[in-house]
Amino acid sequence: MPFLGQDWRSPGWRWVKTEDGWKRCEPFSPALENGNNQLNDISHTVIITGDDENEEEYNTEDCEFAAKKRKKDHFRNNTDSQCFYREKWIYVHKESTKERHGYCTLGEAFNRLDFSSAIQDIRRFNYVVKLLQLIAKSQLTSLSGAAQKNYFNILDKIVQKVMEDQYNPRLIKDLLQDLSSTLCILIRGVGKSVLVGNINIWICRLETILLWQQQLKNLQMNKQVNNGLTLSDLPLHMLNNILYRFSDGWDIITLGQVTPTLYMLSEDRQLWKKLCQYHFAEKQFCRHLIPSEKGHIDWKLMYFALQKYYPIKEQYGDTLHFCRHCSILFWKDTGHPCTASDPNTCLMPVSPQHFIDLFKF
């Protein structure tokens, strides 16, 4: 019985109707399109000359097999290549059915959700970085070889973006520190086969991470020359309102180092009290009261003390969403083929930790 795919469990190939008939679409990266076009332009009959100067004619099947093998070899040898998919969503299935075999893995989801484009969106940048950090801490060994390559390609793009735009380098430094610590531990345990791939590849990746860390350490912030209105020209009440919009204590401290006025505002006890009340429950900070020399509660020290014991609330401009009706994970602006009568009532935002938890079985 004829079948479309190489594996009887697969859903089959994708076909597109053209003027010359139906042609099969293969999910290669745009970088491989030129190579694919050249391979597809090979004539159906190839004539080669042997040692005895007798011409041997290869049939169409042999030619297609050779072209297909060259595509596969080129795809494997291209370290910068990356699979892409037209659909920017993935069906999260946790059990095998007659219609679909196997499970949805973390690596598969990581490849399908187009994180390379997401890091170019400032609303999603922190979300993707946090997700990469969680994977580095606990899920690195669960990634397939293709997902690992995709992971480090995205990480490379993030570092280059930070070097060019100088956007939030502290967040990337924390990510690289966690990743290098995890790799040092895993490389020592290579005898237990905890890593997928050759050990030399992982050593090269670790060296690349150390190089990135050095580049970020030597990063010099460009001083912008602006003759217009600056932050220091704003009234005190507006500067105070800006500080109250921050949800990260380190951002408040960094901003307080800009001018003496901002430093004075960043040391306000009420500001740090509001920050503690936002991130932590009353029972939590009541257990770790830290009095100051004047007998008042030192809310600034309390914030950093509580941060060691309890997780802080996370804020993101945009997140992945999960449809409870369709069991599909997707970016909200790209949408998904939902069959619910009111799709908005089925949507649920997915935090980076929730994303990891979805693929724990």
Foldseek 3Di string as FASTA:
>chain_A
DDDADPDPQDPHFDWDQDPVGIDTDDQWAPVCPVVLVVLVPDDQWDWDADPVRDIDIDGNVVSVVVSVVVSVVVRVPPLLIAGEDPDLKDFADDDADPNHGDGQALLNNLRRNPVLVQCVDQLCVLQVLVLLLVCLQPPVLRHAPNSNSVSVSSLVVNLVCCLVVVPPLVSNLSSLVSNLVSLVVVLVVVVVVSHPDDSVVSVVVSVVSVVSNVSSVPRDDDDDDDPDDDPVPDDLVVLLVVLLPDQDLVVLVVQLVPDVSSVVSSQDQVSLVVSCVQFDPPVQLVVVFDADPVRHTRSSVSVVVSVVVDPGDDDGSFAWKAFQQRSMIHGVVSDDPDPDPDRVVRIDGAGSVNSVVSRDD
